[in-house]
Amino acid sequence: DLRLQHYCFLIPEADFDAFFARLKETGVP
């Protein structure tokens, strides 16, 4: 029953580097 859904999150520019570092740590493409 899974179908691709899309969710977009708006974050402050100042928080992007920390978020992106956490994303890269996960190894998720």
PDB file of all heavy atoms in Angstrom:
ATOM      1  N   ASP A   1       0.806  -1.226   0.000  1.00  0.00           N
ATOM      2  CA  ASP A   1       0.000   0.000   0.000  1.00  0.00           C
ATOM      3  C   ASP A   1       0.839   1.275   0.000  1.00  0.00           C
ATOM      4  O   ASP A   1       0.297   2.374  -0.066  1.00  0.00           O
ATOM      5  CB  ASP A   1      -0.933   0.016   1.217  1.00  0.00           C
ATOM      6  CG  ASP A   1      -1.988  -1.067   1.142  1.00  0.00           C
ATOM      7  OD1 ASP A   1      -2.304  -1.531   0.019  1.00  0.00           O
ATOM      8  OD2 ASP A   1      -2.493  -1.463   2.208  1.00  0.00           O
ATOM      9  N   LEU A   2       2.156   1.139   0.097  1.00  0.00           N
ATOM     10  CA  LEU A   2       3.017   2.322   0.103  1.00  0.00           C
ATOM     11  C   LEU A   2       3.059   2.972  -1.270  1.00  0.00           C
ATOM     12  O   LEU A   2       3.195   2.299  -2.278  1.00  0.00           O
ATOM     13  CB  LEU A   2       4.441   1.950   0.529  1.00  0.00           C
ATOM     14  CG  LEU A   2       4.643   1.631   1.997  1.00  0.00           C
ATOM     15  CD1 LEU A   2       6.042   1.066   2.225  1.00  0.00           C
ATOM     16  CD2 LEU A   2       4.418   2.865   2.856  1.00  0.00           C
ATOM     17  N   ARG A   3       2.919   4.285  -1.296  1.00  0.00           N
ATOM     18  CA  ARG A   3       3.037   5.090  -2.507  1.00  0.00           C
ATOM     19  C   ARG A   3       3.946   6.262  -2.175  1.00  0.00           C
ATOM     20  O   ARG A   3       3.920   6.774  -1.056  1.00  0.00           O
ATOM     21  CB  ARG A   3       1.682   5.633  -2.959  1.00  0.00           C
ATOM     22  CG  ARG A   3       0.614   4.598  -3.212  1.00  0.00           C
ATOM     23  CD  ARG A   3       0.886   3.783  -4.473  1.00  0.00           C
ATOM     24  NE  ARG A   3      -0.131   2.798  -4.735  1.00  0.00           N
ATOM     25  CZ  ARG A   3      -0.147   1.550  -4.279  1.00  0.00           C
ATOM     26  NH1 ARG A   3       0.816   1.130  -3.478  1.00  0.00           N
ATOM     27  NH2 ARG A   3      -1.110   0.711  -4.582  1.00  0.00           N
ATOM     28  N   LEU A   4       4.700   6.718  -3.144  1.00  0.00           N
ATOM     29  CA  LEU A   4       5.581   7.847  -2.911  1.00  0.00           C
ATOM     30  C   LEU A   4       4.765   9.075  -2.523  1.00  0.00           C
ATOM     31  O   LEU A   4       3.835   9.466  -3.224  1.00  0.00           O
ATOM     32  CB  LEU A   4       6.421   8.151  -4.161  1.00  0.00           C
ATOM     33  CG  LEU A   4       7.345   9.361  -4.056  1.00  0.00           C
ATOM     34  CD1 LEU A   4       8.437   9.111  -3.026  1.00  0.00           C
ATOM     35  CD2 LEU A   4       7.954   9.691  -5.394  1.00  0.00           C
ATOM     36  N   GLN A   5       5.098   9.650  -1.390  1.00  0.00           N
ATOM     37  CA  GLN A   5       4.521  10.905  -0.925  1.00  0.00           C
ATOM     38  C   GLN A   5       5.667  11.914  -0.861  1.00  0.00           C
ATOM     39  O   GLN A   5       6.815  11.533  -0.718  1.00  0.00           O
ATOM     40  CB  GLN A   5       3.914  10.743   0.470  1.00  0.00           C
ATOM     41  CG  GLN A   5       2.820   9.711   0.563  1.00  0.00           C
ATOM     42  CD  GLN A   5       1.562  10.155  -0.141  1.00  0.00           C
ATOM     43  OE1 GLN A   5       1.169  11.321  -0.072  1.00  0.00           O
ATOM     44  NE2 GLN A   5       0.917   9.252  -0.838  1.00  0.00           N
ATOM     45  N   HIS A   6       5.340  13.190  -0.927  1.00  0.00           N
ATOM     46  CA  HIS A   6       6.377  14.232  -0.870  1.00  0.00           C
ATOM     47  C   HIS A   6       6.066  15.172   0.279  1.00  0.00           C
ATOM     48  O   HIS A   6       4.937  15.644   0.429  1.00  0.00           O
ATOM     49  CB  HIS A   6       6.416  15.009  -2.188  1.00  0.00           C
ATOM     50  CG  HIS A   6       7.362  16.165  -2.154  1.00  0.00           C
ATOM     51  ND1 HIS A   6       8.724  16.020  -2.234  1.00  0.00           N
ATOM     52  CD2 HIS A   6       7.134  17.496  -2.014  1.00  0.00           C
ATOM     53  CE1 HIS A   6       9.304  17.213  -2.168  1.00  0.00           C
ATOM     54  NE2 HIS A   6       8.355  18.124  -2.032  1.00  0.00           N
ATOM     55  N   TYR A   7       7.093  15.458   1.088  1.00  0.00           N
ATOM     56  CA  TYR A   7       6.974  16.383   2.206  1.00  0.00           C
ATOM     57  C   TYR A   7       8.151  17.346   2.143  1.00  0.00           C
ATOM     58  O   TYR A   7       9.295  16.929   1.997  1.00  0.00           O
ATOM     59  CB  TYR A   7       6.997  15.633   3.544  1.00  0.00           C
ATOM     60  CG  TYR A   7       5.898  14.599   3.640  1.00  0.00           C
ATOM     61  CD1 TYR A   7       6.127  13.286   3.240  1.00  0.00           C
ATOM     62  CD2 TYR A   7       4.632  14.939   4.101  1.00  0.00           C
ATOM     63  CE1 TYR A   7       5.113  12.332   3.310  1.00  0.00           C
ATOM     64  CE2 TYR A   7       3.613  13.990   4.170  1.00  0.00           C
ATOM     65  CZ  TYR A   7       3.863  12.686   3.774  1.00  0.00           C
ATOM     66  OH  TYR A   7       2.863  11.758   3.836  1.00  0.00           O
ATOM     67  N   CYS A   8       7.855  18.641   2.254  1.00  0.00           N
ATOM     68  CA  CYS A   8       8.904  19.659   2.186  1.00  0.00           C
ATOM     69  C   CYS A   8       8.926  20.434   3.495  1.00  0.00           C
ATOM     70  O   CYS A   8       7.879  20.864   3.991  1.00  0.00           O
ATOM     71  CB  CYS A   8       8.640  20.609   1.019  1.00  0.00           C
ATOM     72  SG  CYS A   8       9.920  21.871   0.856  1.00  0.00           S
ATOM     73  N   PHE A   9      10.127  20.621   4.029  1.00  0.00           N
ATOM     74  CA  PHE A   9      10.300  21.310   5.303  1.00  0.00           C
ATOM     75  C   PHE A   9      11.155  22.557   5.096  1.00  0.00           C
ATOM     76  O   PHE A   9      12.208  22.496   4.481  1.00  0.00           O
ATOM     77  CB  PHE A   9      10.967  20.378   6.323  1.00  0.00           C
ATOM     78  CG  PHE A   9      10.150  19.146   6.568  1.00  0.00           C
ATOM     79  CD1 PHE A   9      10.393  17.989   5.834  1.00  0.00           C
ATOM     80  CD2 PHE A   9       9.131  19.144   7.498  1.00  0.00           C
ATOM     81  CE1 PHE A   9       9.620  16.854   6.020  1.00  0.00           C
ATOM     82  CE2 PHE A   9       8.363  18.007   7.694  1.00  0.00           C
ATOM     83  CZ  PHE A   9       8.612  16.866   6.966  1.00  0.00           C
ATOM     84  N   LEU A  10      10.684  23.664   5.637  1.00  0.00           N
ATOM     85  CA  LEU A  10      11.390  24.944   5.569  1.00  0.00           C
ATOM     86  C   LEU A  10      12.145  25.126   6.879  1.00  0.00           C
ATOM     87  O   LEU A  10      11.538  25.094   7.958  1.00  0.00           O
ATOM     88  CB  LEU A  10      10.384  26.082   5.368  1.00  0.00           C
ATOM     89  CG  LEU A  10      10.920  27.506   5.341  1.00  0.00           C
ATOM     90  CD1 LEU A  10      11.838  27.721   4.140  1.00  0.00           C
ATOM     91  CD2 LEU A  10       9.763  28.493   5.307  1.00  0.00           C
ATOM     92  N   ILE A  11      13.465  25.282   6.784  1.00  0.00           N
ATOM     93  CA  ILE A  11      14.280  25.497   7.980  1.00  0.00           C
ATOM     94  C   ILE A  11      15.071  26.793   7.818  1.00  0.00           C
ATOM     95  O   ILE A  11      15.284  27.260   6.696  1.00  0.00           O
ATOM     96  CB  ILE A  11      15.235  24.308   8.256  1.00  0.00           C
ATOM     97  CG1 ILE A  11      16.316  24.175   7.172  1.00  0.00           C
ATOM     98  CG2 ILE A  11      14.456  23.011   8.435  1.00  0.00           C
ATOM     99  CD1 ILE A  11      17.410  23.156   7.488  1.00  0.00           C
ATOM    100  N   PRO A  12      15.541  27.365   8.922  1.00  0.00           N
ATOM    101  CA  PRO A  12      16.362  28.572   8.815  1.00  0.00           C
ATOM    102  C   PRO A  12      17.688  28.268   8.118  1.00  0.00           C
ATOM    103  O   PRO A  12      18.266  27.189   8.298  1.00  0.00           O
ATOM    104  CB  PRO A  12      16.610  28.979  10.272  1.00  0.00           C
ATOM    105  CG  PRO A  12      15.566  28.285  11.065  1.00  0.00           C
ATOM    106  CD  PRO A  12      15.248  27.024  10.322  1.00  0.00           C
ATOM    107  N   GLU A  13      18.164  29.216   7.356  1.00  0.00           N
ATOM    108  CA  GLU A  13      19.463  29.077   6.680  1.00  0.00           C
ATOM    109  C   GLU A  13      20.558  28.717   7.686  1.00  0.00           C
ATOM    110  O   GLU A  13      21.415  27.880   7.413  1.00  0.00           O
ATOM    111  CB  GLU A  13      19.807  30.382   5.952  1.00  0.00           C
ATOM    112  CG  GLU A  13      21.146  30.380   5.256  1.00  0.00           C
ATOM    113  CD  GLU A  13      21.251  29.409   4.090  1.00  0.00           C
ATOM    114  OE1 GLU A  13      20.270  29.244   3.342  1.00  0.00           O
ATOM    115  OE2 GLU A  13      22.332  28.800   3.932  1.00  0.00           O
ATOM    116  N   ALA A  14      20.507  29.319   8.865  1.00  0.00           N
ATOM    117  CA  ALA A  14      21.531  29.084   9.885  1.00  0.00           C
ATOM    118  C   ALA A  14      21.554  27.636  10.378  1.00  0.00           C
ATOM    119  O   ALA A  14      22.554  27.189  10.932  1.00  0.00           O
ATOM    120  CB  ALA A  14      21.315  30.031  11.064  1.00  0.00           C
ATOM    121  N   ASP A  15      20.465  26.891  10.177  1.00  0.00           N
ATOM    122  CA  ASP A  15      20.388  25.498  10.639  1.00  0.00           C
ATOM    123  C   ASP A  15      20.729  24.484   9.553  1.00  0.00           C
ATOM    124  O   ASP A  15      20.803  23.283   9.831  1.00  0.00           O
ATOM    125  CB  ASP A  15      18.985  25.193  11.165  1.00  0.00           C
ATOM    126  CG  ASP A  15      18.660  25.952  12.433  1.00  0.00           C
ATOM    127  OD1 ASP A  15      19.596  26.485  13.070  1.00  0.00           O
ATOM    128  OD2 ASP A  15      17.468  26.013  12.796  1.00  0.00           O
ATOM    129  N   PHE A  16      20.914  24.946   8.319  1.00  0.00           N
ATOM    130  CA  PHE A  16      21.098  23.994   7.217  1.00  0.00           C
ATOM    131  C   PHE A  16      22.372  23.173   7.364  1.00  0.00           C
ATOM    132  O   PHE A  16      22.354  21.964   7.122  1.00  0.00           O
ATOM    133  CB  PHE A  16      21.083  24.711   5.858  1.00  0.00           C
ATOM    134  CG  PHE A  16      21.038  23.744   4.703  1.00  0.00           C
ATOM    135  CD1 PHE A  16      19.835  23.232   4.256  1.00  0.00           C
ATOM    136  CD2 PHE A  16      22.197  23.338   4.068  1.00  0.00           C
ATOM    137  CE1 PHE A  16      19.776  22.335   3.198  1.00  0.00           C
ATOM    138  CE2 PHE A  16      22.162  22.435   3.012  1.00  0.00           C
ATOM    139  CZ  PHE A  16      20.951  21.934   2.576  1.00  0.00           C
ATOM    140  N   ASP A  17      23.480  23.787   7.740  1.00  0.00           N
ATOM    141  CA  ASP A  17      24.738  23.040   7.838  1.00  0.00           C
ATOM    142  C   ASP A  17      24.633  21.884   8.826  1.00  0.00           C
ATOM    143  O   ASP A  17      25.092  20.774   8.542  1.00  0.00           O
ATOM    144  CB  ASP A  17      25.898  23.961   8.215  1.00  0.00           C
ATOM    145  CG  ASP A  17      26.282  24.905   7.083  1.00  0.00           C
ATOM    146  OD1 ASP A  17      26.061  24.564   5.901  1.00  0.00           O
ATOM    147  OD2 ASP A  17      26.795  25.999   7.377  1.00  0.00           O
ATOM    148  N   ALA A  18      24.044  22.129   9.985  1.00  0.00           N
ATOM    149  CA  ALA A  18      23.897  21.063  10.987  1.00  0.00           C
ATOM    150  C   ALA A  18      22.960  19.976  10.472  1.00  0.00           C
ATOM    151  O   ALA A  18      23.252  18.777  10.613  1.00  0.00           O
ATOM    152  CB  ALA A  18      23.388  21.639  12.297  1.00  0.00           C
ATOM    153  N   PHE A  19      21.840  20.373   9.881  1.00  0.00           N
ATOM    154  CA  PHE A  19      20.927  19.385   9.288  1.00  0.00           C
ATOM    155  C   PHE A  19      21.660  18.553   8.234  1.00  0.00           C
ATOM    156  O   PHE A  19      21.575  17.321   8.231  1.00  0.00           O
ATOM    157  CB  PHE A  19      19.708  20.081   8.652  1.00  0.00           C
ATOM    158  CG  PHE A  19      19.154  19.317   7.498  1.00  0.00           C
ATOM    159  CD1 PHE A  19      18.387  18.177   7.704  1.00  0.00           C
ATOM    160  CD2 PHE A  19      19.451  19.678   6.188  1.00  0.00           C
ATOM    161  CE1 PHE A  19      17.922  17.427   6.630  1.00  0.00           C
ATOM    162  CE2 PHE A  19      18.996  18.940   5.117  1.00  0.00           C
ATOM    163  CZ  PHE A  19      18.215  17.813   5.343  1.00  0.00           C
ATOM    164  N   PHE A  20      22.369  19.219   7.346  1.00  0.00           N
ATOM    165  CA  PHE A  20      23.019  18.530   6.237  1.00  0.00           C
ATOM    166  C   PHE A  20      24.104  17.575   6.738  1.00  0.00           C
ATOM    167  O   PHE A  20      24.266  16.468   6.201  1.00  0.00           O
ATOM    168  CB  PHE A  20      23.586  19.541   5.242  1.00  0.00           C
ATOM    169  CG  PHE A  20      24.025  18.947   3.950  1.00  0.00           C
ATOM    170  CD1 PHE A  20      23.159  18.169   3.188  1.00  0.00           C
ATOM    171  CD2 PHE A  20      25.305  19.146   3.482  1.00  0.00           C
ATOM    172  CE1 PHE A  20      23.576  17.600   1.988  1.00  0.00           C
ATOM    173  CE2 PHE A  20      25.731  18.588   2.282  1.00  0.00           C
ATOM    174  CZ  PHE A  20      24.863  17.811   1.543  1.00  0.00           C
ATOM    175  N   ALA A  21      24.810  17.962   7.779  1.00  0.00           N
ATOM    176  CA  ALA A  21      25.814  17.064   8.371  1.00  0.00           C
ATOM    177  C   ALA A  21      25.140  15.801   8.915  1.00  0.00           C
ATOM    178  O   ALA A  21      25.642  14.686   8.721  1.00  0.00           O
ATOM    179  CB  ALA A  21      26.579  17.784   9.480  1.00  0.00           C
ATOM    180  N   ARG A  22      23.989  15.979   9.567  1.00  0.00           N
ATOM    181  CA  ARG A  22      23.252  14.805  10.078  1.00  0.00           C
ATOM    182  C   ARG A  22      22.760  13.939   8.943  1.00  0.00           C
ATOM    183  O   ARG A  22      22.798  12.703   9.022  1.00  0.00           O
ATOM    184  CB  ARG A  22      22.102  15.259  10.981  1.00  0.00           C
ATOM    185  CG  ARG A  22      22.558  15.868  12.298  1.00  0.00           C
ATOM    186  CD  ARG A  22      21.415  16.107  13.266  1.00  0.00           C
ATOM    187  NE  ARG A  22      20.438  17.073  12.802  1.00  0.00           N
ATOM    188  CZ  ARG A  22      20.469  18.374  13.063  1.00  0.00           C
ATOM    189  NH1 ARG A  22      21.448  18.890  13.794  1.00  0.00           N
ATOM    190  NH2 ARG A  22      19.512  19.172  12.621  1.00  0.00           N
ATOM    191  N   LEU A  23      22.290  14.555   7.851  1.00  0.00           N
ATOM    192  CA  LEU A  23      21.838  13.782   6.697  1.00  0.00           C
ATOM    193  C   LEU A  23      22.987  12.962   6.129  1.00  0.00           C
ATOM    194  O   LEU A  23      22.834  11.758   5.861  1.00  0.00           O
ATOM    195  CB  LEU A  23      21.258  14.708   5.620  1.00  0.00           C
ATOM    196  CG  LEU A  23      20.822  14.029   4.315  1.00  0.00           C
ATOM    197  CD1 LEU A  23      19.699  13.015   4.558  1.00  0.00           C
ATOM    198  CD2 LEU A  23      20.399  15.072   3.289  1.00  0.00           C
ATOM    199  N   LYS A  24      24.141  13.578   5.941  1.00  0.00           N
ATOM    200  CA  LYS A  24      25.293  12.860   5.388  1.00  0.00           C
ATOM    201  C   LYS A  24      25.723  11.713   6.307  1.00  0.00           C
ATOM    202  O   LYS A  24      26.108  10.649   5.823  1.00  0.00           O
ATOM    203  CB  LYS A  24      26.452  13.812   5.115  1.00  0.00           C
ATOM    204  CG  LYS A  24      26.158  14.749   3.933  1.00  0.00           C
ATOM    205  CD  LYS A  24      27.378  15.470   3.415  1.00  0.00           C
ATOM    206  CE  LYS A  24      27.954  16.425   4.394  1.00  0.00           C
ATOM    207  NZ  LYS A  24      29.010  17.279   3.829  1.00  0.00           N
ATOM    208  N   GLU A  25      25.623  11.901   7.617  1.00  0.00           N
ATOM    209  CA  GLU A  25      25.974  10.840   8.573  1.00  0.00           C
ATOM    210  C   GLU A  25      25.118   9.593   8.394  1.00  0.00           C
ATOM    211  O   GLU A  25      25.572   8.486   8.668  1.00  0.00           O
ATOM    212  CB  GLU A  25      25.812  11.337  10.011  1.00  0.00           C
ATOM    213  CG  GLU A  25      26.905  12.244  10.493  1.00  0.00           C
ATOM    214  CD  GLU A  25      26.600  12.812  11.880  1.00  0.00           C
ATOM    215  OE1 GLU A  25      25.614  12.377  12.525  1.00  0.00           O
ATOM    216  OE2 GLU A  25      27.342  13.704  12.317  1.00  0.00           O
ATOM    217  N   THR A  26      23.875   9.769   7.949  1.00  0.00           N
ATOM    218  CA  THR A  26      22.975   8.614   7.787  1.00  0.00           C
ATOM    219  C   THR A  26      23.393   7.729   6.621  1.00  0.00           C
ATOM    220  O   THR A  26      23.020   6.561   6.569  1.00  0.00           O
ATOM    221  CB  THR A  26      21.517   9.049   7.548  1.00  0.00           C
ATOM    222  OG1 THR A  26      21.403   9.666   6.255  1.00  0.00           O
ATOM    223  CG2 THR A  26      21.004   9.963   8.645  1.00  0.00           C
ATOM    224  N   GLY A  27      24.124   8.296   5.659  1.00  0.00           N
ATOM    225  CA  GLY A  27      24.494   7.539   4.464  1.00  0.00           C
ATOM    226  C   GLY A  27      23.379   7.456   3.442  1.00  0.00           C
ATOM    227  O   GLY A  27      23.520   6.801   2.410  1.00  0.00           O
ATOM    228  N   VAL A  28      22.263   8.127   3.697  1.00  0.00           N
ATOM    229  CA  VAL A  28      21.135   8.131   2.762  1.00  0.00           C
ATOM    230  C   VAL A  28      21.520   8.949   1.538  1.00  0.00           C
ATOM    231  O   VAL A  28      22.015  10.071   1.676  1.00  0.00           O
ATOM    232  CB  VAL A  28      19.878   8.720   3.440  1.00  0.00           C
ATOM    233  CG1 VAL A  28      18.776   8.982   2.438  1.00  0.00           C
ATOM    234  CG2 VAL A  28      19.396   7.803   4.546  1.00  0.00           C
ATOM    235  N   PRO A  29      21.315   8.414   0.341  1.00  0.00           N
ATOM    236  CA  PRO A  29      21.603   9.201  -0.868  1.00  0.00           C
ATOM    237  C   PRO A  29      20.744  10.466  -0.913  1.00  0.00           C
ATOM    238  O   PRO A  29      19.584  10.450  -0.519  1.00  0.00           O
ATOM    239  CB  PRO A  29      21.234   8.266  -2.015  1.00  0.00           C
ATOM    240  CG  PRO A  29      21.224   6.898  -1.420  1.00  0.00           C
ATOM    241  CD  PRO A  29      20.838   7.067   0.017  1.00  0.00           C
TER     242      PRO A  29
END
